[in-house]
Amino acid sequence: MSEDVTVVLSGYKRSYATLEQYQAIKNQTVKDIKIMFWVNFPDNKTSFPEEVISNCQSIISNSNYGVWGRFIESLHAQTEYVCIIDDDTIPGERWIENCINTMKTHEGVLATRGVIINDNKKFMYPFEGSYKPVGWCGPHNEEPARVDMGCHNWFFRRLWLRAFFAEMPAKFPMNFGEDMHLSAAIKLHYGFNTYVPPHPESDKTLWGSCPKRGGEYGQDKNAISHNGLANLGMNKYWEYLIKQRGYKTIGESW
């Protein structure tokens, strides 16, 4: 199976996961995937595997562009689809295949984990009860599931990046917010929703994140969920998208 896809890998502090992530993309059932590698303001440039740097279209930035830089690099992709992956996320071998198939029935931003907001006024990340998760970390979904924003691993049409950058505020947060920003921008400009493709318990090759690695890497010392100020900032940015940009959540649109 061969399709027109560019995957953008992210490099920041988890250099120990980079090679594993690269190999997971090379092992996809979809072949001929183009791979880009964005290394954001590394403490030590040589800490990232040379095998990955030399075999990808790589950019090593000496300035900190936060979570947004990999979206800048993806502008240079020349494929129909782009898939941007967090540095703590190791996809199953059929993940890209899963996204391509889901696009045929549920066109939109696709992600390996999604969040459905229970109440906009009471949404407080990362506290349970203010939202319902869907995807690799559960509850698992047998069919594509619509969510308010996607996380960890995003698959979408490259041309939709126009909306992503058109919606950039004058001052944006450095290390969070790209997930909710992407879902809101695509919905506001093109009318497409965000979905989590099938993540059946019986077939983890379809998942966008290996549960063992996602739990291990996603909860290590570099996890943003350990940063109280970042969590507060995420809540404020969500409020900005809702109140000032007019993004409607699933509950509001019913």
Foldseek 3Di string as FASTA:
>chain_A
DEFFEEEEEEAEPPLVQQVLQVVLAPLAPHPPYAYEYEHAQYPDVPSHDPVVCVRHNYDHDNHGQAPCVSLVVLLPRPTFKYKYAYSLFRAARHQVVLVVVLCVPANAKEAQKAWAAPDLVPDFPPDPPRIDMEHDVDPFAQAKDFHQWHDGMIMHTNVLVVQLVVPDDPDDDRHDDSGNSSQLSCCLPPNGTYIYGGCDPVDRSNGRGDVVSSVVSCPDPPHCSVPPVVSVVNSVVSVCCCPVVPRDGPVRVD
